[in-house]
Amino acid sequence: MRPTLKSTLGAMFETFGAHRATTPPSGDIAMAAHLAVLFKSLKIDLVIDVGADQGQFGTLLRDHVGYTGPIASFEPIPASFATLQHRASIDPMWQVEHAVLGEALGDLPLNVIDLQNFRPAAPPHAQRAPARHTAKIKRQTIPVRTLDDIVPALRTRTKARHIFLKLDTNARDRAILHGGEHALGTIAAIQTELYTDRQFEDLPHYLGLLSFFQAKHFTPNQFFPTTAEANAQPTRFTCCMVNTFHR
């Protein structure tokens, strides 16, 4: 039986604290060129970056898209957030928050490795290392925000009217949009990840996810392959979608 995404990520959290696939590489010039045209056409004046990891997408926007407006990035994993926070610290237009987005306000408990006290495990035949040299797992609680919670405040602060929402959340897209029913009208376009090869049973089927977005009035605008095996078809795509009701 194939593993589920939830079970695999759960094992990662327990062993290493947290881990996630990264966003598309900043060297993807084709996607950057498309975003530059799209941002100009839609007059994008605020980017909400959900699942920001270490800030790769924000860096892409600054270095390759030419976007200079406000960015609000959200990342729940402590180690990734530390890098994100450092990267954004020199950019006054880049706001970061240690949080996850979901369907309802609340808290998310995470198991996080204590890297400060981590020591590599001893070889099988070596003398067992003292307990203080083993990795320690710390329990952290991460706030859960919603689009309906954050968008009004961001619009008030930035005076934004045309929002670009980037999602890299490993199958949480539906929950995030359900938590933004009132905010969706202000979102001009969305970027998310689609999987044609479901390596994990609980990854949403790409056709079902596209149908879900279309029911919310978001129509595909462009697709970019982001992963593929050698000499094989891509199995993961970055998809840009435009809100047909946004003005």
C-alpha atoms as a PDB file:
ATOM      1  CA  MET A   1       0.000   0.000   0.000  1.00  0.00           C
ATOM      2  CA  ARG A   2       1.332   3.413  -0.911  1.00  0.00           C
ATOM      3  CA  PRO A   3       2.195   5.789   1.919  1.00  0.00           C
ATOM      4  CA  THR A   4      -0.015   8.788   2.513  1.00  0.00           C
ATOM      5  CA  LEU A   5       1.318  12.325   2.519  1.00  0.00           C
ATOM      6  CA  LYS A   6       0.119  12.729   6.098  1.00  0.00           C
ATOM      7  CA  SER A   7       1.926   9.618   7.328  1.00  0.00           C
ATOM      8  CA  THR A   8       5.141  10.489   5.512  1.00  0.00           C
ATOM      9  CA  LEU A   9       5.192  14.083   6.775  1.00  0.00           C
ATOM     10  CA  GLY A  10       4.341  12.831  10.246  1.00  0.00           C
ATOM     11  CA  ALA A  11       7.406  10.607  10.211  1.00  0.00           C
ATOM     12  CA  MET A  12       9.532  13.535   9.073  1.00  0.00           C
ATOM     13  CA  PHE A  13       8.217  15.733  11.884  1.00  0.00           C
ATOM     14  CA  GLU A  14       8.945  13.047  14.454  1.00  0.00           C
ATOM     15  CA  THR A  15      12.457  12.364  13.153  1.00  0.00           C
ATOM     16  CA  PHE A  16      13.714  15.673  11.860  1.00  0.00           C
ATOM     17  CA  GLY A  17      11.210  18.236  13.103  1.00  0.00           C
ATOM     18  CA  ALA A  18       9.970  19.406   9.713  1.00  0.00           C
ATOM     19  CA  HIS A  19      10.678  19.270   6.034  1.00  0.00           C
ATOM     20  CA  ARG A  20       8.907  20.126   2.791  1.00  0.00           C
ATOM     21  CA  ALA A  21       9.524  20.231  -0.903  1.00  0.00           C
ATOM     22  CA  THR A  22      10.857  23.574  -1.984  1.00  0.00           C
ATOM     23  CA  THR A  23       9.178  26.024  -4.315  1.00  0.00           C
ATOM     24  CA  PRO A  24      10.264  26.101  -7.979  1.00  0.00           C
ATOM     25  CA  PRO A  25      13.879  27.230  -8.472  1.00  0.00           C
ATOM     26  CA  SER A  26      14.462  30.957  -8.872  1.00  0.00           C
ATOM     27  CA  GLY A  27      16.274  30.203 -12.147  1.00  0.00           C
ATOM     28  CA  ASP A  28      12.979  29.363 -13.829  1.00  0.00           C
ATOM     29  CA  ILE A  29      13.184  32.274 -16.238  1.00  0.00           C
ATOM     30  CA  ALA A  30      10.090  31.267 -18.227  1.00  0.00           C
ATOM     31  CA  MET A  31       7.863  31.426 -15.154  1.00  0.00           C
ATOM     32  CA  ALA A  32       9.426  34.701 -14.024  1.00  0.00           C
ATOM     33  CA  ALA A  33       8.826  36.236 -17.444  1.00  0.00           C
ATOM     34  CA  HIS A  34       5.200  35.114 -17.374  1.00  0.00           C
ATOM     35  CA  LEU A  35       4.672  36.504 -13.887  1.00  0.00           C
ATOM     36  CA  ALA A  36       6.147  39.846 -14.936  1.00  0.00           C
ATOM     37  CA  VAL A  37       3.575  40.147 -17.719  1.00  0.00           C
ATOM     38  CA  LEU A  38       0.746  38.854 -15.524  1.00  0.00           C
ATOM     39  CA  PHE A  39       1.542  41.239 -12.662  1.00  0.00           C
ATOM     40  CA  LYS A  40       1.563  44.200 -15.030  1.00  0.00           C
ATOM     41  CA  SER A  41      -1.682  43.137 -16.719  1.00  0.00           C
ATOM     42  CA  LEU A  42      -3.534  42.574 -13.426  1.00  0.00           C
ATOM     43  CA  LYS A  43      -1.904  45.533 -11.646  1.00  0.00           C
ATOM     44  CA  ILE A  44      -0.802  43.292  -8.772  1.00  0.00           C
ATOM     45  CA  ASP A  45      -0.047  45.428  -5.713  1.00  0.00           C
ATOM     46  CA  LEU A  46       0.213  42.777  -2.966  1.00  0.00           C
ATOM     47  CA  VAL A  47       1.598  39.232  -2.907  1.00  0.00           C
ATOM     48  CA  ILE A  48       0.561  36.764  -0.203  1.00  0.00           C
ATOM     49  CA  ASP A  49       3.102  33.941  -0.090  1.00  0.00           C
ATOM     50  CA  VAL A  50       1.683  30.914   1.762  1.00  0.00           C
ATOM     51  CA  GLY A  51       4.141  28.131   2.501  1.00  0.00           C
ATOM     52  CA  ALA A  52       7.056  30.473   1.906  1.00  0.00           C
ATOM     53  CA  ASP A  53       9.717  27.962   3.003  1.00  0.00           C
ATOM     54  CA  GLN A  54      13.008  29.931   3.034  1.00  0.00           C
ATOM     55  CA  GLY A  55      11.790  32.812   0.875  1.00  0.00           C
ATOM     56  CA  GLN A  56      12.580  31.450  -2.574  1.00  0.00           C
ATOM     57  CA  PHE A  57       9.435  32.874  -4.165  1.00  0.00           C
ATOM     58  CA  GLY A  58       9.911  36.324  -2.681  1.00  0.00           C
ATOM     59  CA  THR A  59      13.482  36.333  -3.977  1.00  0.00           C
ATOM     60  CA  LEU A  60      12.222  35.271  -7.401  1.00  0.00           C
ATOM     61  CA  LEU A  61       9.801  38.200  -7.420  1.00  0.00           C
ATOM     62  CA  ARG A  62      12.493  40.705  -6.484  1.00  0.00           C
ATOM     63  CA  ASP A  63      15.355  39.392  -8.620  1.00  0.00           C
ATOM     64  CA  HIS A  64      13.626  38.068 -11.747  1.00  0.00           C
ATOM     65  CA  VAL A  65      10.035  39.346 -11.951  1.00  0.00           C
ATOM     66  CA  GLY A  66      10.803  42.956 -11.062  1.00  0.00           C
ATOM     67  CA  TYR A  67       8.004  43.202  -8.508  1.00  0.00           C
ATOM     68  CA  THR A  68       8.776  45.868  -5.883  1.00  0.00           C
ATOM     69  CA  GLY A  69       5.472  45.997  -3.978  1.00  0.00           C
ATOM     70  CA  PRO A  70       4.553  44.501  -0.603  1.00  0.00           C
ATOM     71  CA  ILE A  71       4.947  40.784   0.118  1.00  0.00           C
ATOM     72  CA  ALA A  72       3.395  38.969   3.083  1.00  0.00           C
ATOM     73  CA  SER A  73       4.975  35.549   3.634  1.00  0.00           C
ATOM     74  CA  PHE A  74       3.714  32.820   5.973  1.00  0.00           C
ATOM     75  CA  GLU A  75       5.790  29.817   7.015  1.00  0.00           C
ATOM     76  CA  PRO A  76       5.155  27.400   9.922  1.00  0.00           C
ATOM     77  CA  ILE A  77       8.416  25.403  10.055  1.00  0.00           C
ATOM     78  CA  PRO A  78      10.793  27.086  12.547  1.00  0.00           C
ATOM     79  CA  ALA A  79      14.073  26.372  10.726  1.00  0.00           C
ATOM     80  CA  SER A  80      12.687  27.534   7.389  1.00  0.00           C
ATOM     81  CA  PHE A  81      11.099  30.574   8.991  1.00  0.00           C
ATOM     82  CA  ALA A  82      14.424  31.631  10.538  1.00  0.00           C
ATOM     83  CA  THR A  83      16.014  31.714   7.077  1.00  0.00           C
ATOM     84  CA  LEU A  84      12.970  33.455   5.613  1.00  0.00           C
ATOM     85  CA  GLN A  85      13.042  36.083   8.351  1.00  0.00           C
ATOM     86  CA  HIS A  86      16.739  36.748   7.795  1.00  0.00           C
ATOM     87  CA  ARG A  87      16.261  37.021   4.029  1.00  0.00           C
ATOM     88  CA  ALA A  88      13.363  39.453   4.358  1.00  0.00           C
ATOM     89  CA  SER A  89      14.968  41.577   7.080  1.00  0.00           C
ATOM     90  CA  ILE A  90      16.711  43.853   4.584  1.00  0.00           C
ATOM     91  CA  ASP A  91      13.500  44.464   2.610  1.00  0.00           C
ATOM     92  CA  PRO A  92      11.069  46.893   4.296  1.00  0.00           C
ATOM     93  CA  MET A  93       8.291  45.855   1.904  1.00  0.00           C
ATOM     94  CA  TRP A  94       8.549  42.176   2.840  1.00  0.00           C
ATOM     95  CA  GLN A  95       6.548  41.114   5.912  1.00  0.00           C
ATOM     96  CA  VAL A  96       6.943  37.602   7.331  1.00  0.00           C
ATOM     97  CA  GLU A  97       4.918  35.703   9.918  1.00  0.00           C
ATOM     98  CA  HIS A  98       5.535  32.397  11.693  1.00  0.00           C
ATOM     99  CA  ALA A  99       2.121  30.912  10.988  1.00  0.00           C
ATOM    100  CA  VAL A 100       0.169  28.470   8.879  1.00  0.00           C
ATOM    101  CA  LEU A 101      -3.004  29.273   6.935  1.00  0.00           C
ATOM    102  CA  GLY A 102      -6.072  27.091   7.206  1.00  0.00           C
ATOM    103  CA  GLU A 103      -9.862  26.922   7.222  1.00  0.00           C
ATOM    104  CA  ALA A 104     -10.360  28.309  10.732  1.00  0.00           C
ATOM    105  CA  LEU A 105      -8.401  30.229  13.345  1.00  0.00           C
ATOM    106  CA  GLY A 106      -6.618  28.084  15.899  1.00  0.00           C
ATOM    107  CA  ASP A 107      -3.295  26.481  16.771  1.00  0.00           C
ATOM    108  CA  LEU A 108      -1.253  23.723  15.157  1.00  0.00           C
ATOM    109  CA  PRO A 109       1.063  21.602  17.363  1.00  0.00           C
ATOM    110  CA  LEU A 110       4.368  20.594  15.739  1.00  0.00           C
ATOM    111  CA  ASN A 111       7.238  18.388  16.848  1.00  0.00           C
ATOM    112  CA  VAL A 112      10.482  20.286  16.158  1.00  0.00           C
ATOM    113  CA  ILE A 113      14.013  18.985  16.541  1.00  0.00           C
ATOM    114  CA  ASP A 114      16.323  20.858  18.937  1.00  0.00           C
ATOM    115  CA  LEU A 115      19.278  21.376  16.603  1.00  0.00           C
ATOM    116  CA  GLN A 116      21.349  23.181  19.244  1.00  0.00           C
ATOM    117  CA  ASN A 117      21.680  19.974  21.255  1.00  0.00           C
ATOM    118  CA  PHE A 118      21.828  17.585  18.313  1.00  0.00           C
ATOM    119  CA  ARG A 119      24.781  15.175  17.955  1.00  0.00           C
ATOM    120  CA  PRO A 120      25.108  12.472  15.280  1.00  0.00           C
ATOM    121  CA  ALA A 121      24.193   8.981  16.390  1.00  0.00           C
ATOM    122  CA  ALA A 122      27.100   6.682  17.279  1.00  0.00           C
ATOM    123  CA  PRO A 123      28.024   3.871  14.825  1.00  0.00           C
ATOM    124  CA  PRO A 124      26.378   0.500  15.611  1.00  0.00           C
ATOM    125  CA  HIS A 125      29.537  -1.031  17.154  1.00  0.00           C
ATOM    126  CA  ALA A 126      30.751   2.099  18.898  1.00  0.00           C
ATOM    127  CA  GLN A 127      30.215   2.894  22.542  1.00  0.00           C
ATOM    128  CA  ARG A 128      26.753   4.386  22.975  1.00  0.00           C
ATOM    129  CA  ALA A 129      26.838   8.180  23.234  1.00  0.00           C
ATOM    130  CA  PRO A 130      25.527   9.821  26.404  1.00  0.00           C
ATOM    131  CA  ALA A 131      21.843  10.737  26.336  1.00  0.00           C
ATOM    132  CA  ARG A 132      22.639  14.440  26.291  1.00  0.00           C
ATOM    133  CA  HIS A 133      24.151  14.019  22.832  1.00  0.00           C
ATOM    134  CA  THR A 134      20.969  12.711  21.249  1.00  0.00           C
ATOM    135  CA  ALA A 135      18.528  14.938  19.401  1.00  0.00           C
ATOM    136  CA  LYS A 136      15.684  16.314  21.460  1.00  0.00           C
ATOM    137  CA  ILE A 137      12.215  16.892  20.087  1.00  0.00           C
ATOM    138  CA  LYS A 138      10.456  20.021  21.269  1.00  0.00           C
ATOM    139  CA  ARG A 139       6.728  20.627  21.016  1.00  0.00           C
ATOM    140  CA  GLN A 140       5.790  23.970  19.470  1.00  0.00           C
ATOM    141  CA  THR A 141       2.405  25.482  18.802  1.00  0.00           C
ATOM    142  CA  ILE A 142       2.044  27.438  15.562  1.00  0.00           C
ATOM    143  CA  PRO A 143      -0.865  29.866  15.089  1.00  0.00           C
ATOM    144  CA  VAL A 144      -3.341  29.087  12.321  1.00  0.00           C
ATOM    145  CA  ARG A 145      -4.549  32.136  10.404  1.00  0.00           C
ATOM    146  CA  THR A 146      -7.146  32.404   7.646  1.00  0.00           C
ATOM    147  CA  LEU A 147      -7.359  34.493   4.491  1.00  0.00           C
ATOM    148  CA  ASP A 148     -10.466  36.192   5.866  1.00  0.00           C
ATOM    149  CA  ASP A 149      -8.415  37.079   8.942  1.00  0.00           C
ATOM    150  CA  ILE A 150      -5.283  38.427   7.239  1.00  0.00           C
ATOM    151  CA  VAL A 151      -6.503  39.982   3.977  1.00  0.00           C
ATOM    152  CA  PRO A 152      -8.538  42.893   5.440  1.00  0.00           C
ATOM    153  CA  ALA A 153      -5.623  43.938   7.664  1.00  0.00           C
ATOM    154  CA  LEU A 154      -3.126  43.657   4.806  1.00  0.00           C
ATOM    155  CA  ARG A 155      -5.369  45.680   2.482  1.00  0.00           C
ATOM    156  CA  THR A 156      -5.791  48.384   5.112  1.00  0.00           C
ATOM    157  CA  ARG A 157      -2.040  48.614   5.659  1.00  0.00           C
ATOM    158  CA  THR A 158      -0.964  48.462   2.007  1.00  0.00           C
ATOM    159  CA  LYS A 159      -4.040  49.957   0.265  1.00  0.00           C
ATOM    160  CA  ALA A 160      -3.859  46.963  -2.077  1.00  0.00           C
ATOM    161  CA  ARG A 161      -6.666  46.202  -4.514  1.00  0.00           C
ATOM    162  CA  HIS A 162      -5.208  43.420  -6.668  1.00  0.00           C
ATOM    163  CA  ILE A 163      -3.741  40.492  -4.725  1.00  0.00           C
ATOM    164  CA  PHE A 164      -1.636  37.610  -6.011  1.00  0.00           C
ATOM    165  CA  LEU A 165      -1.893  34.498  -3.809  1.00  0.00           C
ATOM    166  CA  LYS A 166       0.911  31.929  -4.027  1.00  0.00           C
ATOM    167  CA  LEU A 167       0.251  28.536  -2.435  1.00  0.00           C
ATOM    168  CA  ASP A 168       2.828  25.834  -1.719  1.00  0.00           C
ATOM    169  CA  THR A 169       1.069  23.950   1.043  1.00  0.00           C
ATOM    170  CA  ASN A 170       1.065  20.226   0.252  1.00  0.00           C
ATOM    171  CA  ALA A 171      -2.640  19.566  -0.284  1.00  0.00           C
ATOM    172  CA  ARG A 172      -4.051  22.315   1.990  1.00  0.00           C
ATOM    173  CA  ASP A 173      -5.313  24.524  -0.860  1.00  0.00           C
ATOM    174  CA  ARG A 174      -8.973  23.679  -0.318  1.00  0.00           C
ATOM    175  CA  ALA A 175      -8.849  24.403   3.409  1.00  0.00           C
ATOM    176  CA  ILE A 176      -7.084  27.721   2.805  1.00  0.00           C
ATOM    177  CA  LEU A 177      -9.655  28.878   0.258  1.00  0.00           C
ATOM    178  CA  HIS A 178     -12.512  27.741   2.507  1.00  0.00           C
ATOM    179  CA  GLY A 179     -11.001  30.070   5.107  1.00  0.00           C
ATOM    180  CA  GLY A 180     -11.147  32.958   2.638  1.00  0.00           C
ATOM    181  CA  GLU A 181     -14.686  32.968   1.267  1.00  0.00           C
ATOM    182  CA  HIS A 182     -15.030  36.710   1.885  1.00  0.00           C
ATOM    183  CA  ALA A 183     -11.498  37.554   0.732  1.00  0.00           C
ATOM    184  CA  LEU A 184     -11.494  35.699  -2.602  1.00  0.00           C
ATOM    185  CA  GLY A 185     -13.046  38.603  -4.496  1.00  0.00           C
ATOM    186  CA  THR A 186      -9.931  40.702  -3.853  1.00  0.00           C
ATOM    187  CA  ILE A 187      -7.562  37.993  -5.122  1.00  0.00           C
ATOM    188  CA  ALA A 188      -6.771  38.609  -8.772  1.00  0.00           C
ATOM    189  CA  ALA A 189      -4.718  35.460  -9.378  1.00  0.00           C
ATOM    190  CA  ILE A 190      -3.470  32.320  -7.653  1.00  0.00           C
ATOM    191  CA  GLN A 191      -0.398  30.166  -8.147  1.00  0.00           C
ATOM    192  CA  THR A 192      -0.359  26.600  -6.825  1.00  0.00           C
ATOM    193  CA  GLU A 193       1.199  23.164  -7.365  1.00  0.00           C
ATOM    194  CA  LEU A 194      -0.514  20.343  -9.271  1.00  0.00           C
ATOM    195  CA  TYR A 195       0.551  16.682  -9.247  1.00  0.00           C
ATOM    196  CA  THR A 196      -0.178  14.317 -12.131  1.00  0.00           C
ATOM    197  CA  ASP A 197       1.507  11.367 -10.408  1.00  0.00           C
ATOM    198  CA  ARG A 198       0.003  10.925  -6.952  1.00  0.00           C
ATOM    199  CA  GLN A 199       2.995   9.638  -4.990  1.00  0.00           C
ATOM    200  CA  PHE A 200       0.920  10.015  -1.818  1.00  0.00           C
ATOM    201  CA  GLU A 201      -2.657   8.816  -1.511  1.00  0.00           C
ATOM    202  CA  ASP A 202      -3.923  12.024   0.066  1.00  0.00           C
ATOM    203  CA  LEU A 203      -2.486  14.385  -2.538  1.00  0.00           C
ATOM    204  CA  PRO A 204      -5.453  15.878  -4.403  1.00  0.00           C
ATOM    205  CA  HIS A 205      -5.934  14.755  -7.990  1.00  0.00           C
ATOM    206  CA  TYR A 206      -4.957  17.613 -10.276  1.00  0.00           C
ATOM    207  CA  LEU A 207      -8.215  17.511 -12.242  1.00  0.00           C
ATOM    208  CA  GLY A 208     -10.267  17.631  -9.048  1.00  0.00           C
ATOM    209  CA  LEU A 209      -8.197  20.529  -7.747  1.00  0.00           C
ATOM    210  CA  LEU A 210      -8.574  22.423 -11.029  1.00  0.00           C
ATOM    211  CA  SER A 211     -12.340  21.880 -10.872  1.00  0.00           C
ATOM    212  CA  PHE A 212     -12.358  23.186  -7.303  1.00  0.00           C
ATOM    213  CA  PHE A 213     -10.526  26.377  -8.322  1.00  0.00           C
ATOM    214  CA  GLN A 214     -12.760  26.865 -11.346  1.00  0.00           C
ATOM    215  CA  ALA A 215     -15.814  26.635  -9.089  1.00  0.00           C
ATOM    216  CA  LYS A 216     -14.260  29.577  -7.215  1.00  0.00           C
ATOM    217  CA  HIS A 217     -13.939  31.431 -10.577  1.00  0.00           C
ATOM    218  CA  PHE A 218     -10.192  30.867 -11.023  1.00  0.00           C
ATOM    219  CA  THR A 219      -9.301  29.827 -14.582  1.00  0.00           C
ATOM    220  CA  PRO A 220      -5.884  28.352 -15.551  1.00  0.00           C
ATOM    221  CA  ASN A 221      -3.657  30.899 -17.224  1.00  0.00           C
ATOM    222  CA  GLN A 222      -0.380  28.990 -17.630  1.00  0.00           C
ATOM    223  CA  PHE A 223       1.391  25.778 -16.545  1.00  0.00           C
ATOM    224  CA  PHE A 224       5.089  25.258 -15.811  1.00  0.00           C
ATOM    225  CA  PRO A 225       6.664  21.825 -15.207  1.00  0.00           C
ATOM    226  CA  THR A 226       8.680  21.821 -12.004  1.00  0.00           C
ATOM    227  CA  THR A 227       9.733  18.174 -11.543  1.00  0.00           C
ATOM    228  CA  ALA A 228      10.342  15.212 -13.825  1.00  0.00           C
ATOM    229  CA  GLU A 229      12.381  12.047 -13.873  1.00  0.00           C
ATOM    230  CA  ALA A 230      15.118  11.790 -16.492  1.00  0.00           C
ATOM    231  CA  ASN A 231      13.603  11.204 -19.941  1.00  0.00           C
ATOM    232  CA  ALA A 232      10.095  11.158 -18.474  1.00  0.00           C
ATOM    233  CA  GLN A 233       7.010  13.319 -18.395  1.00  0.00           C
ATOM    234  CA  PRO A 234       6.820  15.991 -15.662  1.00  0.00           C
ATOM    235  CA  THR A 235       4.816  14.892 -12.632  1.00  0.00           C
ATOM    236  CA  ARG A 236       4.472  18.269 -10.911  1.00  0.00           C
ATOM    237  CA  PHE A 237       3.368  21.580 -12.382  1.00  0.00           C
ATOM    238  CA  THR A 238       3.163  25.127 -11.157  1.00  0.00           C
ATOM    239  CA  CYS A 239      -0.183  26.516 -12.295  1.00  0.00           C
ATOM    240  CA  CYS A 240      -1.150  30.191 -12.515  1.00  0.00           C
ATOM    241  CA  MET A 241      -4.888  30.957 -12.422  1.00  0.00           C
ATOM    242  CA  VAL A 242      -6.784  34.215 -12.938  1.00  0.00           C
ATOM    243  CA  ASN A 243      -9.956  35.233 -11.143  1.00  0.00           C
ATOM    244  CA  THR A 244     -12.483  35.825 -13.928  1.00  0.00           C
ATOM    245  CA  PHE A 245     -14.704  37.894 -11.617  1.00  0.00           C
ATOM    246  CA  HIS A 246     -11.986  40.219 -10.325  1.00  0.00           C
ATOM    247  CA  ARG A 247     -12.007  43.824 -11.491  1.00  0.00           C
END
